[in-house]
Amino acid sequence: MSDCCGNPLDTRLLHDQQRKVLRIVLLINVLTFCMMLAAAMVSGSSSLLSGSLDNLGDALTYALSLAVVGATHRAQSKVAMVKGSLILAAAIAVALQILWRLTHSGVPLFESMGLAAVLNLVANLICLKLLMPYRFGDVNLASAWECSRNDVYEGFAVIAATIGVWLFQSGWPDLLIASLLLILFLRSAWRVFRNAWAGLKIKESACS
């Protein structure tokens, strides 16, 4: 039975729970973005900068998700298209940063990278756990969970980049991880676009 035809009280309760979760993960991502951006500037890390841009995009994504909780499936699909565009924009920013670093070589400060990476991973795991119950729900929450899952991958990747920089005393592990994150962002953007487009082609069912 679809939400619109279900128990109004149950539907309202579900939407209230979704809004509460989205507000929490939105706040976490805003704080994490500020922390990661500061650490990226201090350490000179491309992977940290990639992570901070991803967190900014996710904060905007969660804000959009919050705005359309309880909206029609078509409206949620339209917003999902915007979310895919934000992920794609983050990928473009990462690509530009990688190109810049290739012409401005340097070794990032692994100490600040490591601290920021651990804090980032913890925050991302919290967000993923909060969104886990909604991963197979409507396109709105499913796309939010998609972003959160990417964040966890990104968190482990930045930790790997930190270890690589420390072991080799070189900047190439950082650039390698940033390149892998770029591929992840592009793949995720494609998946969100595909699901959103499929949703746009589905006609809203009328409730009796």
Protein backbone atom coordinates (compact mmCIF):
# COMPACT_ATOMS: atom_id res chain seq x y z
CA MET A 1 0.00 0.00 0.00
CA SER A 2 1.40 3.39 -0.93
CA ASP A 3 2.02 6.10 1.66
CA CYS A 4 -0.74 8.35 0.35
CA CYS A 5 -3.31 5.59 0.85
CA GLY A 6 -1.99 4.36 4.18
CA ASN A 7 -2.84 5.41 7.72
CA PRO A 8 -2.41 9.22 7.89
CA LEU A 9 -1.06 9.03 11.44
CA ASP A 10 1.53 6.40 10.52
CA THR A 11 2.56 8.39 7.45
CA ARG A 12 2.91 11.58 9.46
CA LEU A 13 4.99 9.79 12.08
CA LEU A 14 7.28 8.36 9.39
CA HIS A 15 7.78 11.79 7.83
CA ASP A 16 8.54 13.31 11.24
CA GLN A 17 11.16 10.63 11.85
CA GLN A 18 12.70 11.24 8.43
CA ARG A 19 12.89 15.00 9.06
CA LYS A 20 14.54 14.43 12.45
CA VAL A 21 17.19 12.14 10.96
CA LEU A 22 17.87 14.51 8.06
CA ARG A 23 18.31 17.48 10.42
CA ILE A 24 20.89 15.53 12.44
CA VAL A 25 22.92 14.37 9.43
CA LEU A 26 22.70 17.86 7.93
CA LEU A 27 24.24 19.38 11.06
CA ILE A 28 26.94 16.69 11.21
CA ASN A 29 27.91 17.31 7.58
CA VAL A 30 28.08 21.09 7.99
CA LEU A 31 30.40 20.70 10.98
CA THR A 32 32.46 18.04 9.23
CA PHE A 33 32.81 20.21 6.12
CA CYS A 34 34.25 23.08 8.19
CA MET A 35 36.67 20.74 9.97
CA MET A 36 37.80 18.99 6.78
CA LEU A 37 38.25 22.24 4.85
CA ALA A 38 40.42 23.70 7.62
CA ALA A 39 42.49 20.50 7.79
CA ALA A 40 42.89 20.42 4.00
CA MET A 41 44.21 23.99 3.99
CA VAL A 42 46.64 23.22 6.82
CA SER A 43 47.87 19.89 5.42
CA GLY A 44 47.72 20.62 1.70
CA SER A 45 45.87 17.35 1.10
CA SER A 46 43.82 16.80 -2.06
CA SER A 47 41.97 13.84 -0.57
CA LEU A 48 40.92 15.93 2.44
CA LEU A 49 39.76 18.71 0.15
CA SER A 50 37.81 16.14 -1.85
CA GLY A 51 36.20 14.94 1.36
CA SER A 52 35.32 18.45 2.47
CA LEU A 53 33.68 19.24 -0.87
CA ASP A 54 31.79 15.98 -0.64
CA ASN A 55 30.52 16.93 2.82
CA LEU A 56 29.41 20.32 1.54
CA GLY A 57 27.54 18.67 -1.31
CA ASP A 58 25.98 16.22 1.13
CA ALA A 59 24.87 19.02 3.44
CA LEU A 60 23.07 20.62 0.49
CA THR A 61 21.67 17.21 -0.46
CA TYR A 62 20.28 16.61 3.02
CA ALA A 63 18.77 20.10 3.06
CA LEU A 64 17.01 19.32 -0.23
CA SER A 65 15.88 15.94 1.09
CA LEU A 66 14.46 17.64 4.17
CA ALA A 67 12.52 20.08 2.00
CA VAL A 68 10.70 17.33 0.07
CA VAL A 69 9.90 14.84 2.83
CA GLY A 70 6.32 13.76 2.18
CA ALA A 71 6.23 15.31 -1.30
CA THR A 72 5.08 13.43 -4.38
CA HIS A 73 7.32 10.82 -5.93
CA ARG A 74 7.75 13.02 -9.00
CA ALA A 75 8.83 16.01 -6.89
CA GLN A 76 11.32 13.83 -5.01
CA SER A 77 12.69 12.54 -8.32
CA LYS A 78 13.21 16.10 -9.55
CA VAL A 79 15.12 16.94 -6.38
CA ALA A 80 17.16 13.75 -6.81
CA MET A 81 18.26 15.11 -10.19
CA VAL A 82 19.58 18.18 -8.37
CA LYS A 83 21.36 15.91 -5.89
CA GLY A 84 23.03 14.07 -8.76
CA SER A 85 24.16 17.42 -10.13
CA LEU A 86 25.71 18.31 -6.77
CA ILE A 87 27.63 15.03 -6.70
CA LEU A 88 28.80 15.68 -10.25
CA ALA A 89 29.89 19.21 -9.27
CA ALA A 90 31.95 17.75 -6.41
CA ALA A 91 33.58 15.36 -8.88
CA ILE A 92 34.51 18.26 -11.19
CA ALA A 93 36.00 20.19 -8.26
CA VAL A 94 38.06 17.16 -7.26
CA ALA A 95 39.31 16.76 -10.84
CA LEU A 96 40.41 20.40 -10.94
CA GLN A 97 42.19 20.03 -7.59
CA ILE A 98 44.03 16.94 -8.83
CA LEU A 99 45.17 18.78 -11.97
CA TRP A 100 46.41 21.69 -9.85
CA ARG A 101 48.34 19.37 -7.53
CA LEU A 102 50.00 17.64 -10.48
CA THR A 103 51.62 20.98 -11.36
CA HIS A 104 52.26 22.01 -7.74
CA SER A 105 53.85 18.98 -6.12
CA GLY A 106 54.26 18.69 -2.37
CA VAL A 107 53.97 16.31 0.58
CA PRO A 108 50.84 16.79 2.72
CA LEU A 109 51.15 16.94 6.51
CA PHE A 110 50.03 13.46 7.49
CA GLU A 111 49.47 14.39 11.16
CA SER A 112 46.64 16.82 10.44
CA MET A 113 45.41 14.53 7.66
CA GLY A 114 45.16 11.58 10.05
CA LEU A 115 43.31 13.43 12.79
CA ALA A 116 40.80 14.92 10.35
CA ALA A 117 40.37 11.57 8.57
CA VAL A 118 39.50 9.70 11.78
CA LEU A 119 37.02 12.36 12.93
CA ASN A 120 35.49 12.41 9.47
CA LEU A 121 35.06 8.63 9.37
CA VAL A 122 33.39 8.57 12.79
CA ALA A 123 30.95 11.30 11.70
CA ASN A 124 30.21 9.47 8.44
CA LEU A 125 29.54 6.18 10.21
CA ILE A 126 27.07 7.91 12.51
CA CYS A 127 25.23 9.39 9.51
CA LEU A 128 25.17 6.03 7.72
CA LYS A 129 23.71 4.30 10.76
CA LEU A 130 21.00 6.96 11.09
CA LEU A 131 20.02 6.65 7.42
CA MET A 132 20.33 2.86 7.21
CA PRO A 133 16.62 2.13 7.89
CA TYR A 134 15.64 4.31 4.90
CA ARG A 135 18.06 2.95 2.28
CA PHE A 136 15.32 1.02 0.44
CA GLY A 137 12.63 3.67 0.85
CA ASP A 138 11.55 6.40 -1.52
CA VAL A 139 13.97 8.00 -3.96
CA ASN A 140 14.44 10.95 -1.59
CA LEU A 141 15.86 9.03 1.38
CA ALA A 142 17.52 6.41 -0.82
CA SER A 143 19.62 9.09 -2.53
CA ALA A 144 20.51 10.58 0.87
CA TRP A 145 21.69 7.14 2.01
CA GLU A 146 23.70 6.83 -1.21
CA CYS A 147 25.57 10.02 -0.30
CA SER A 148 26.18 8.77 3.23
CA ARG A 149 27.58 5.45 1.99
CA ASN A 150 29.96 7.35 -0.29
CA ASP A 151 31.10 9.33 2.74
CA VAL A 152 32.07 6.16 4.58
CA TYR A 153 34.08 4.96 1.57
CA GLU A 154 35.68 8.38 1.38
CA GLY A 155 36.50 8.25 5.12
CA PHE A 156 38.39 4.96 4.79
CA ALA A 157 40.06 6.21 1.62
CA VAL A 158 41.42 9.35 3.29
CA ILE A 159 42.80 7.25 6.14
CA ALA A 160 44.52 5.05 3.54
CA ALA A 161 45.93 8.17 1.89
CA THR A 162 47.26 9.36 5.25
CA ILE A 163 49.02 6.04 5.87
CA GLY A 164 50.47 6.12 2.35
CA VAL A 165 51.82 9.66 2.77
CA TRP A 166 53.38 8.67 6.10
CA LEU A 167 54.96 5.47 4.76
CA PHE A 168 56.34 6.87 1.51
CA GLN A 169 56.84 10.51 2.54
CA SER A 170 55.34 11.45 -0.80
CA GLY A 171 52.23 13.15 -2.14
CA TRP A 172 51.33 10.50 -4.72
CA PRO A 173 49.21 8.34 -2.34
CA ASP A 174 47.11 11.41 -1.62
CA LEU A 175 46.61 12.08 -5.34
CA LEU A 176 45.87 8.41 -5.99
CA ILE A 177 43.11 8.35 -3.36
CA ALA A 178 41.70 11.63 -4.65
CA SER A 179 41.54 10.08 -8.13
CA LEU A 180 39.72 7.02 -6.80
CA LEU A 181 37.24 9.30 -5.00
CA LEU A 182 36.68 11.10 -8.28
CA ILE A 183 35.66 7.80 -9.91
CA LEU A 184 33.40 7.03 -6.93
CA PHE A 185 31.66 10.41 -7.22
CA LEU A 186 31.09 9.98 -10.96
CA ARG A 187 29.65 6.49 -10.45
CA SER A 188 27.38 7.71 -7.67
CA ALA A 189 26.16 10.68 -9.71
CA TRP A 190 25.26 8.34 -12.56
CA ARG A 191 23.32 6.05 -10.20
CA VAL A 192 21.36 8.93 -8.68
CA PHE A 193 20.60 10.37 -12.13
CA ARG A 194 19.44 6.96 -13.36
CA ASN A 195 17.10 6.37 -10.39
CA ALA A 196 15.75 9.91 -10.57
CA TRP A 197 15.06 9.61 -14.28
CA ALA A 198 13.25 6.32 -13.72
CA GLY A 199 11.17 8.03 -11.04
CA LEU A 200 10.23 10.86 -13.35
CA LYS A 201 8.81 8.37 -15.84
CA ILE A 202 6.51 6.79 -13.25
CA LYS A 203 3.08 8.34 -13.15
CA GLU A 204 1.75 9.20 -9.71
CA SER A 205 -0.84 6.67 -8.62
CA ALA A 206 -4.18 8.06 -7.58
CA CYS A 207 -5.55 7.18 -4.17
CA SER A 208 -9.06 6.02 -3.88
